[in-house]
Protein backbone atom coordinates (compact mmCIF):
# COMPACT_ATOMS: atom_id res chain seq x y z
CA UNK A 1 1.02 3.91 -6.12
CA UNK A 2 -0.42 0.40 -6.42
CA UNK A 3 1.55 -0.73 -3.31
CA UNK A 4 0.26 2.20 -1.35
CA UNK A 5 -3.24 1.24 -2.21
CA UNK A 6 -2.72 -2.33 -1.18
CA UNK A 7 -1.48 -1.14 2.07
CA UNK A 8 -4.42 0.93 2.67
CA UNK A 9 -6.60 -1.97 1.71
CA UNK A 10 -4.74 -4.24 4.14
CA UNK A 11 -5.07 -1.62 7.00
CA UNK A 12 -8.82 -1.21 6.30
CA UNK A 13 -9.27 -5.08 6.53
CA UNK A 14 -7.29 -5.23 9.81
CA UNK A 15 -9.17 -2.43 11.50
CA UNK A 16 -12.44 -4.13 10.42
CA UNK A 17 -11.29 -7.42 12.07
CA UNK A 18 -10.18 -5.56 15.21
CA UNK A 19 -13.36 -3.61 15.45
CA UNK A 20 -15.46 -6.87 15.16
CA UNK A 21 -13.21 -8.94 17.58
CA UNK A 22 -13.35 -6.29 20.23
CA UNK A 23 -17.30 -6.30 19.89
CA UNK A 24 -17.23 -10.30 20.04
CA UNK A 25 -15.07 -10.12 23.26
CA UNK A 26 -17.79 -8.75 25.33
CA UNK A 27 -20.15 -11.43 24.28
CA UNK A 28 -17.52 -13.96 24.89
CA UNK A 29 -17.00 -12.68 28.27
CA UNK A 30 -20.72 -12.94 28.89
CA UNK A 31 -20.98 -16.57 27.73
CA UNK A 32 -18.02 -17.39 30.03
CA UNK A 33 -20.05 -15.82 32.87
CA UNK A 34 -22.92 -18.06 31.94
CA UNK A 35 -20.79 -20.95 32.31
CA UNK A 36 -19.78 -19.90 35.91
CA UNK A 37 -23.29 -19.60 36.93
CA UNK A 38 -23.94 -22.99 35.44
CA UNK A 39 -21.01 -24.45 37.46
CA UNK A 40 -22.48 -22.64 40.51
CA UNK A 41 -25.98 -23.94 39.78
CA UNK A 42 -24.41 -27.47 39.30
CA UNK A 43 -23.54 -27.67 43.21
CA UNK A 44 -27.21 -28.43 43.52
CA UNK A 45 -26.88 -31.68 41.25
CA UNK A 46 -24.07 -33.74 43.16
CA UNK A 47 -24.37 -36.43 40.34
CA UNK A 48 -22.49 -34.10 38.00
CA UNK A 49 -19.42 -34.08 40.19
CA UNK A 50 -19.06 -37.79 40.06
CA UNK A 51 -16.96 -37.19 36.94
CA UNK A 52 -13.28 -36.22 38.05
CA UNK A 53 -12.87 -33.79 35.41
CA UNK A 54 -15.55 -31.48 36.69
CA UNK A 55 -13.36 -30.84 39.66
CA UNK A 56 -11.06 -28.94 37.59
CA UNK A 57 -13.80 -26.98 35.83
CA UNK A 58 -13.32 -23.65 37.71
CA UNK A 59 -9.67 -23.75 36.97
CA UNK A 60 -10.34 -24.21 33.30
CA UNK A 61 -12.97 -21.43 33.43
CA UNK A 62 -10.36 -19.15 35.01
CA UNK A 63 -7.93 -19.88 32.29
CA UNK A 64 -10.46 -19.22 29.62
CA UNK A 65 -11.04 -15.83 30.99
CA UNK A 66 -7.46 -14.89 31.06
CA UNK A 67 -6.99 -16.35 27.37
CA UNK A 68 -10.09 -14.37 26.34
CA UNK A 69 -8.34 -11.13 27.93
CA UNK A 70 -5.10 -11.87 26.29
CA UNK A 71 -6.66 -12.25 22.91
CA UNK A 72 -8.33 -8.82 23.49
CA UNK A 73 -4.97 -7.08 23.97
CA UNK A 74 -3.27 -8.95 21.12
CA UNK A 75 -6.01 -8.59 18.55
CA UNK A 76 -4.25 -5.69 16.91
CA UNK A 77 -0.84 -7.57 16.46
CA UNK A 78 -0.12 -7.77 12.68
CA UNK A 79 1.34 -11.31 12.70
CA UNK A 80 -0.36 -13.11 15.75
CA UNK A 81 -3.49 -11.22 16.47
CA UNK A 82 -5.84 -13.34 14.25
CA UNK A 83 -4.08 -16.70 15.25
CA UNK A 84 -4.45 -15.97 19.09
CA UNK A 85 -8.04 -14.95 18.56
CA UNK A 86 -8.85 -18.06 16.52
CA UNK A 87 -7.02 -20.34 18.96
CA UNK A 88 -8.84 -18.75 22.14
CA UNK A 89 -12.26 -19.02 20.49
CA UNK A 90 -11.53 -22.85 19.67
CA UNK A 91 -10.61 -23.28 23.46
CA UNK A 92 -13.80 -21.78 24.34
CA UNK A 93 -15.71 -23.90 21.98
CA UNK A 94 -14.14 -27.07 23.58
CA UNK A 95 -15.38 -25.75 27.00
CA UNK A 96 -18.68 -25.36 25.66
CA UNK A 97 -18.79 -28.83 24.47
CA UNK A 98 -17.73 -30.11 27.91
CA UNK A 99 -20.52 -28.35 29.60
CA UNK A 100 -23.08 -29.70 27.12
CA UNK A 101 -21.71 -33.31 27.28
CA UNK A 102 -22.11 -33.27 31.14
CA UNK A 103 -25.47 -31.38 31.30
CA UNK A 104 -27.58 -33.54 28.92
CA UNK A 105 -25.83 -33.54 25.62
CA UNK A 106 -27.85 -32.57 22.69
CA UNK A 107 -30.89 -32.23 25.02
CA UNK A 108 -29.07 -29.48 27.01
CA UNK A 109 -30.12 -25.83 27.08
CA UNK A 110 -26.57 -24.93 26.55
CA UNK A 111 -26.68 -26.16 22.92
CA UNK A 112 -27.59 -22.53 22.27
CA UNK A 113 -23.85 -22.05 22.42
CA UNK A 114 -23.53 -23.71 19.07
CA UNK A 115 -25.02 -21.05 16.73
CA UNK A 116 -23.61 -18.36 18.94
CA UNK A 117 -20.06 -19.51 18.38
CA UNK A 118 -20.78 -20.39 14.77
CA UNK A 119 -21.72 -16.62 14.29
CA UNK A 120 -18.54 -15.55 15.94
CA UNK A 121 -16.36 -17.76 13.58
CA UNK A 122 -18.47 -16.46 10.57
CA UNK A 123 -18.09 -12.90 11.47
CA UNK A 124 -14.43 -12.86 12.20
CA UNK A 125 -13.04 -15.47 9.66
CA UNK A 126 -14.08 -16.05 6.00
CA UNK A 127 -12.75 -19.57 5.12
CA UNK A 128 -13.81 -23.22 5.35
CA UNK A 129 -10.86 -24.02 7.49
CA UNK A 130 -11.87 -21.29 9.90
CA UNK A 131 -15.42 -22.48 10.10
CA UNK A 132 -14.55 -26.11 10.56
CA UNK A 133 -14.42 -26.03 14.42
CA UNK A 134 -18.17 -24.95 14.81
CA UNK A 135 -19.17 -27.21 12.03
CA UNK A 136 -17.43 -30.27 13.79
CA UNK A 137 -19.08 -29.03 17.11
CA UNK A 138 -22.56 -30.86 16.57
CA UNK A 139 -21.28 -34.21 15.21
CA UNK A 140 -18.84 -34.60 18.12
CA UNK A 141 -21.46 -33.78 20.68
CA UNK A 142 -23.84 -36.25 19.02
CA UNK A 143 -21.14 -39.04 18.93
CA UNK A 144 -20.30 -38.45 22.68
CA UNK A 145 -23.83 -38.61 23.88
CA UNK A 146 -25.69 -41.10 21.68
CA UNK A 147 -25.21 -44.27 23.61
CA UNK A 148 -28.26 -43.63 25.84
CA UNK A 149 -30.48 -42.54 22.98
CA UNK A 150 -29.60 -45.79 20.97
CA UNK A 151 -31.32 -47.79 23.83
CA UNK A 152 -34.50 -45.80 23.89
CA UNK A 153 -36.15 -45.25 20.44
CA UNK A 154 -38.13 -42.40 21.64
CA UNK A 155 -34.97 -40.46 22.54
CA UNK A 156 -33.39 -41.37 19.33
CA UNK A 157 -36.33 -40.09 17.34
CA UNK A 158 -35.98 -36.78 19.37
CA UNK A 159 -32.31 -36.55 19.10
CA UNK A 160 -32.73 -36.91 15.27
CA UNK A 161 -35.15 -34.14 15.21
CA UNK A 162 -32.96 -31.84 17.52
CA UNK A 163 -29.95 -32.72 15.17
CA UNK A 164 -31.88 -31.42 12.20
CA UNK A 165 -32.92 -28.30 13.91
CA UNK A 166 -29.54 -27.42 15.11
CA UNK A 167 -28.14 -28.32 11.57
CA UNK A 168 -30.63 -25.98 9.85
CA UNK A 169 -29.87 -23.28 12.46
CA UNK A 170 -26.29 -23.59 11.99
CA UNK A 171 -26.61 -23.46 8.16
CA UNK A 172 -28.90 -20.45 8.43
CA UNK A 173 -26.54 -18.52 10.76
CA UNK A 174 -23.55 -19.15 8.29
CA UNK A 175 -25.65 -18.25 5.29
CA UNK A 176 -27.22 -15.05 6.64
CA UNK A 177 -23.90 -13.92 8.12
CA UNK A 178 -21.97 -14.34 4.90
CA UNK A 179 -24.69 -12.72 2.87
CA UNK A 180 -24.82 -9.66 5.05
CA UNK A 181 -20.93 -9.57 5.38
CA UNK A 182 -20.56 -10.07 1.56
CA UNK A 183 -22.87 -6.97 0.84
CA UNK A 184 -21.27 -4.93 3.47
CA UNK A 185 -17.69 -5.74 2.05
CA UNK A 186 -19.00 -4.71 -1.42
CA UNK A 187 -20.30 -1.43 -0.18
CA UNK A 188 -17.22 -0.87 2.03
CA UNK A 189 -14.92 -1.44 -1.23
CA UNK A 190 -17.11 0.95 -3.31
CA UNK A 191 -16.87 3.59 -0.58
CA UNK A 192 -13.17 3.02 -0.33
CA UNK A 193 -12.95 3.45 -4.18
CA UNK A 194 -15.02 6.57 -3.89
CA UNK A 195 -12.71 8.13 -1.32
CA UNK A 196 -9.74 7.40 -3.35
CA UNK A 197 -11.23 9.08 -6.35
CA UNK A 198 -12.45 12.07 -4.23
CA UNK A 199 -8.82 12.43 -2.95
CA UNK A 200 -7.39 12.17 -6.43
CA UNK A 201 -9.92 14.76 -7.73
CA UNK A 202 -9.24 17.24 -4.68
CA UNK A 203 -5.48 16.79 -5.46
CA UNK A 204 -5.76 17.46 -9.02
CA UNK A 205 -7.98 20.62 -8.39
CA UNK A 206 -5.48 21.94 -5.99
CA UNK A 207 -2.52 21.39 -8.47
CA UNK A 208 -4.59 23.03 -11.13
CA UNK A 209 -5.04 26.02 -8.92
CA UNK A 210 -1.45 26.24 -7.94
CA UNK A 211 -0.50 25.86 -11.55
CA UNK A 212 -2.83 28.87 -12.42
CA UNK A 213 -1.39 30.93 -9.54
CA UNK A 214 2.23 30.08 -10.62
CA UNK A 215 1.37 30.89 -14.31
CA UNK A 216 -0.35 34.17 -13.57
CA UNK A 217 2.33 35.34 -11.09
CA UNK A 218 5.68 34.00 -11.39
CA UNK A 219 5.39 33.16 -15.06
CA UNK A 220 4.24 36.67 -15.84
CA UNK A 221 7.05 38.15 -13.77
CA UNK A 222 9.68 36.06 -15.69
CA UNK A 223 8.11 37.05 -18.93
CA UNK A 224 8.50 40.78 -18.03
CA UNK A 225 11.89 40.18 -17.01
CA UNK A 226 12.82 38.64 -20.40
CA UNK A 227 11.09 41.55 -22.21
CA UNK A 228 13.03 44.24 -20.03
CA UNK A 229 16.38 42.35 -20.66
CA UNK A 230 15.82 42.32 -24.55
CA UNK A 231 15.09 46.11 -24.59
CA UNK A 232 18.23 46.81 -22.36
CA UNK A 233 20.28 44.69 -24.82
CA UNK A 234 19.12 47.05 -27.63
CA UNK A 235 20.14 50.24 -25.84
CA UNK A 236 23.34 48.85 -24.27
CA UNK A 237 25.32 47.74 -27.46
CA UNK A 238 28.18 50.00 -26.85
CA UNK A 239 28.82 48.65 -23.47
CA UNK A 240 29.99 45.24 -24.18
CA UNK A 241 30.42 44.11 -20.54
CA UNK A 242 26.91 45.17 -19.69
CA UNK A 243 25.67 43.31 -22.81
CA UNK A 244 27.41 40.22 -21.73
CA UNK A 245 25.84 40.30 -18.16
CA UNK A 246 22.28 41.12 -19.67
CA UNK A 247 22.60 38.10 -22.14
CA UNK A 248 23.34 35.78 -19.06
CA UNK A 249 20.49 37.52 -17.08
CA UNK A 250 18.12 36.75 -20.19
CA UNK A 251 19.26 33.11 -20.41
CA UNK A 252 18.71 32.65 -16.75
CA UNK A 253 15.27 34.12 -17.00
CA UNK A 254 14.39 31.89 -20.01
CA UNK A 255 15.75 28.70 -18.07
CA UNK A 256 13.65 29.82 -15.15
CA UNK A 257 10.44 30.27 -17.14
CA UNK A 258 11.14 26.80 -18.94
CA UNK A 259 11.33 25.24 -15.42
CA UNK A 260 8.08 26.91 -14.52
CA UNK A 261 6.40 25.65 -17.74
CA UNK A 262 7.76 22.09 -17.09
CA UNK A 263 6.55 22.31 -13.38
CA UNK A 264 3.15 23.35 -14.57
CA UNK A 265 2.93 20.31 -17.11
CA UNK A 266 3.93 17.92 -14.25
CA UNK A 267 1.19 19.34 -11.95
CA UNK A 268 -1.44 18.97 -14.75
CA UNK A 269 -0.26 15.47 -15.56
CA UNK A 270 0.64 16.79 -18.93
CA UNK A 271 4.48 15.78 -18.96
CA UNK A 272 5.28 14.19 -22.30
CA UNK A 273 8.89 12.78 -22.07
CA UNK A 274 9.88 12.60 -25.54
CA UNK A 275 9.02 16.18 -26.38
CA UNK A 276 10.61 17.49 -23.26
CA UNK A 277 13.94 15.74 -24.04
CA UNK A 278 13.86 16.94 -27.63
CA UNK A 279 13.00 20.49 -26.55
CA UNK A 280 15.64 20.42 -23.87
CA UNK A 281 18.29 19.56 -26.39
CA UNK A 282 17.40 22.06 -28.78
CA UNK A 283 17.05 24.94 -26.30
CA UNK A 284 20.38 23.67 -24.67
CA UNK A 285 22.03 23.94 -28.24
CA UNK A 286 20.71 27.41 -28.90
CA UNK A 287 21.70 29.09 -25.69
CA UNK A 288 25.04 27.43 -25.13
CA UNK A 289 26.08 27.35 -28.94
CA UNK A 290 26.96 23.84 -28.38
CA UNK A 291 25.74 21.46 -31.08
CA UNK A 292 23.42 18.69 -29.35
CA UNK A 293 22.10 15.89 -31.50
CA UNK A 294 19.50 13.72 -30.04
CA UNK A 295 18.27 10.36 -31.39
CA UNK A 296 15.34 8.51 -29.95
CA UNK A 297 14.59 4.99 -31.03
CA UNK A 298 11.42 2.83 -29.82
CA UNK A 299 8.31 3.80 -28.13
CA UNK A 300 8.63 4.58 -24.23
CA UNK A 301 6.83 2.29 -21.85
CA UNK A 302 4.21 3.71 -19.35
CA UNK A 303 6.83 5.21 -16.94
CA UNK A 304 5.43 6.93 -13.87
CA UNK A 305 5.56 10.75 -13.60
CA UNK A 306 8.42 10.63 -11.23
CA UNK A 307 10.41 8.35 -13.41
CA UNK A 308 9.86 10.47 -16.53
CA UNK A 309 10.98 13.52 -14.53
CA UNK A 310 14.06 11.68 -13.19
CA UNK A 311 15.00 10.66 -16.74
CA UNK A 312 14.66 14.36 -17.81
CA UNK A 313 16.72 15.76 -14.83
CA UNK A 314 19.46 13.28 -15.44
CA UNK A 315 19.92 14.26 -19.09
CA UNK A 316 19.61 17.93 -18.27
CA UNK A 317 22.41 17.51 -15.56
CA UNK A 318 24.71 15.86 -18.08
CA UNK A 319 24.15 18.64 -20.57
CA UNK A 320 24.95 21.32 -17.84
CA UNK A 321 28.02 19.41 -16.63
CA UNK A 322 29.30 19.26 -20.15
CA UNK A 323 28.68 23.04 -20.92
CA UNK A 324 30.40 23.99 -17.65
CA UNK A 325 33.37 21.66 -17.51
CA UNK A 326 34.10 19.67 -20.71
CA UNK A 327 35.07 22.15 -23.20
CA UNK A 328 33.13 20.10 -25.71
CA UNK A 329 32.51 20.89 -29.35
CA UNK A 330 29.40 18.54 -29.70
CA UNK A 331 27.17 16.29 -27.58
CA UNK A 332 25.34 13.08 -28.72
CA UNK A 333 22.34 11.90 -26.84
CA UNK A 334 21.07 8.31 -27.82
CA UNK A 335 17.83 6.83 -26.30
CA UNK A 336 16.62 3.53 -26.78
CA UNK A 337 13.09 2.39 -25.52
CA UNK A 338 12.25 -1.15 -25.26
CA UNK A 339 8.96 -2.82 -24.05
CA UNK A 340 9.86 -2.33 -20.28
CA UNK A 341 13.07 -0.44 -20.22
CA UNK A 342 15.15 2.64 -21.12
CA UNK A 343 18.89 2.92 -22.13
CA UNK A 344 20.13 6.40 -22.48
CA UNK A 345 23.83 7.29 -23.70
CA UNK A 346 25.12 10.87 -23.38
CA UNK A 347 28.42 11.31 -24.89
CA UNK A 348 30.83 14.30 -25.66
CA UNK A 349 34.14 14.92 -27.18
CA UNK A 350 35.42 17.18 -24.29
CA UNK A 351 38.39 16.87 -22.19
CA UNK A 352 37.23 14.16 -20.03
CA UNK A 353 38.14 13.51 -16.42
CA UNK A 354 39.18 10.68 -13.96
CA UNK A 355 35.85 9.27 -12.68
CA UNK A 356 37.63 7.84 -9.67
CA UNK A 357 38.60 11.33 -8.43
CA UNK A 358 35.73 12.95 -6.72
CA UNK A 359 36.18 16.79 -6.47
CA UNK A 360 35.06 18.54 -3.33
CA UNK A 361 31.70 20.46 -3.33
CA UNK A 362 30.91 18.81 -6.69
CA UNK A 363 27.63 16.72 -6.41
CA UNK A 364 26.46 16.56 -9.93
CA UNK A 365 27.42 12.96 -10.72
CA UNK A 366 26.43 11.73 -7.28
CA UNK A 367 22.98 13.52 -7.53
CA UNK A 368 22.30 11.67 -11.01
CA UNK A 369 23.21 8.28 -9.41
CA UNK A 370 21.06 8.90 -6.31
CA UNK A 371 18.19 10.02 -8.58
CA UNK A 372 18.54 6.82 -10.77
CA UNK A 373 18.93 4.42 -7.72
CA UNK A 374 15.54 6.11 -6.19
CA UNK A 375 13.66 4.73 -9.16
CA UNK A 376 15.34 1.40 -9.63
CA UNK A 377 17.87 2.65 -12.27
CA UNK A 378 21.55 2.95 -12.72
CA UNK A 379 24.04 5.52 -14.05
CA UNK A 380 27.48 4.57 -15.31
CA UNK A 381 30.10 7.08 -16.11
CA UNK A 382 32.99 6.33 -18.49
CA UNK A 383 35.47 9.09 -19.12
CA UNK A 384 39.13 9.22 -20.53
CA UNK A 385 41.10 12.54 -20.09
CA UNK A 386 41.57 14.21 -23.39
CA UNK A 387 38.85 11.80 -25.17
CA UNK A 388 35.64 12.97 -23.66
CA UNK A 389 32.93 11.53 -21.47
CA UNK A 390 30.13 8.94 -21.94
CA UNK A 391 27.31 8.44 -19.52
CA UNK A 392 25.01 5.43 -19.54
CA UNK A 393 21.68 5.43 -17.98
CA UNK A 394 19.58 2.25 -17.57
CA UNK A 395 16.12 1.95 -16.23
CA UNK A 396 13.37 -0.68 -16.13
CA UNK A 397 9.65 0.04 -15.59
C-alpha cells in the first residue's frame, strides 16, 4: 500500500513538471524569436559584426531552436526528461549572455532575460544547484563588461545601481516563486490526501454494502439449508445411507457459511487472525472427529489483511489435506509470533508420503507454496512414509 502511494506521488510530481515545462516551452520559443529579431536588427549596426563569433550566431540560434524542441518531446521521459530540459535551458542562458555582452553588457535592454530565466529555473527546479546558473548569470555579465565602466566613474556608479536593481529583482522572483509554489504544493498534497481518503471511504462503503447483501442473501440461504438438513436428519434415521449423505450436505453448508462469515470479516476489516485460527481448528476437530491441538505463543505483528488471510488459508489447506489423505489420529499446530515474523508448524501422525513425488492433479502443496511466496514467506514440507508429515511456514512482516 505504501509503495502504491509513493508511486502515485511520484507520478503526480512528474505530471506537474511536464505541465509546467510544456508551458515554459512556448515562452522559450518566444525569447528565441526575440533573439532572432535582435540579430536581424543588428545588421544595421555593422560594428557588432566585427567580432568573429557573431558570424556563427544564426547557426547557434538554429541549434537552440532544435534543442528546445527536443527537450519538449523528451520532457516526459522518466530518466532523462528533467536533465535534457535543464541542459537546454542552460544553453539558452549562455546564448542570452552572449547577446547581452555584445549589445551593451549590463546596460543592454536584453538584461530582461535575467529575471525571465530565473523564473523558468525556479518554477521547474527546486534546489540550489538548479538555481545556480541564473544566479551566476549576473556576476559573469558584470565581469565580462566591467572594463569600460572602470575607466568612467559615472558609468561605474550607474553599473553599481543597475547591479543592485537586478539583484533585488532576481531575489524577488525567486522568493515570490518559491512562496507561491510552496503554498501550491501544500494545497496539492492536501487535495491528494483527501482524494485518497475519499477513495478509501468509498471502497469501505461499497464493501459494507456488499457484505450486507451477502449476509442477507447467501447467508440466509445457507442457514436455511442447514436447518432443513437437520430436519431431514431427524426423519431419515432408519435410512443410514441417506443420513450419511445428509450429514455431508450439512457439513458442506456449515463450511460454506463459515467462509461467508470470514469473507464478511475481511470486507469489513474485522478479520482477527488468532481467533480465526483457533476457531478453524476447533471447527475442524468437531466436524472431522480428528483431535486438533493448537498452541499460540507471542503477540502477532501488524500483518496486512492479505498476509493474515494467506496464513489462515495455508493452515486450512494443511488441515484439509490431513483429513483427506493422511489417516492421522491427531494434529498439532504450533504458532510462534515474534516482533516481525511468524513461524508455524503443523504436524500429524499419519501415513506420510514422499515429498519428491508430485502426484498428477494434486495442487494443494503447490498452492500453499505459491501463496507463501506471494507475500514473501516460505513453506517447507517434511514427511516420512509411515511416520507422519510436518509442514513449516515462515513469514516476515
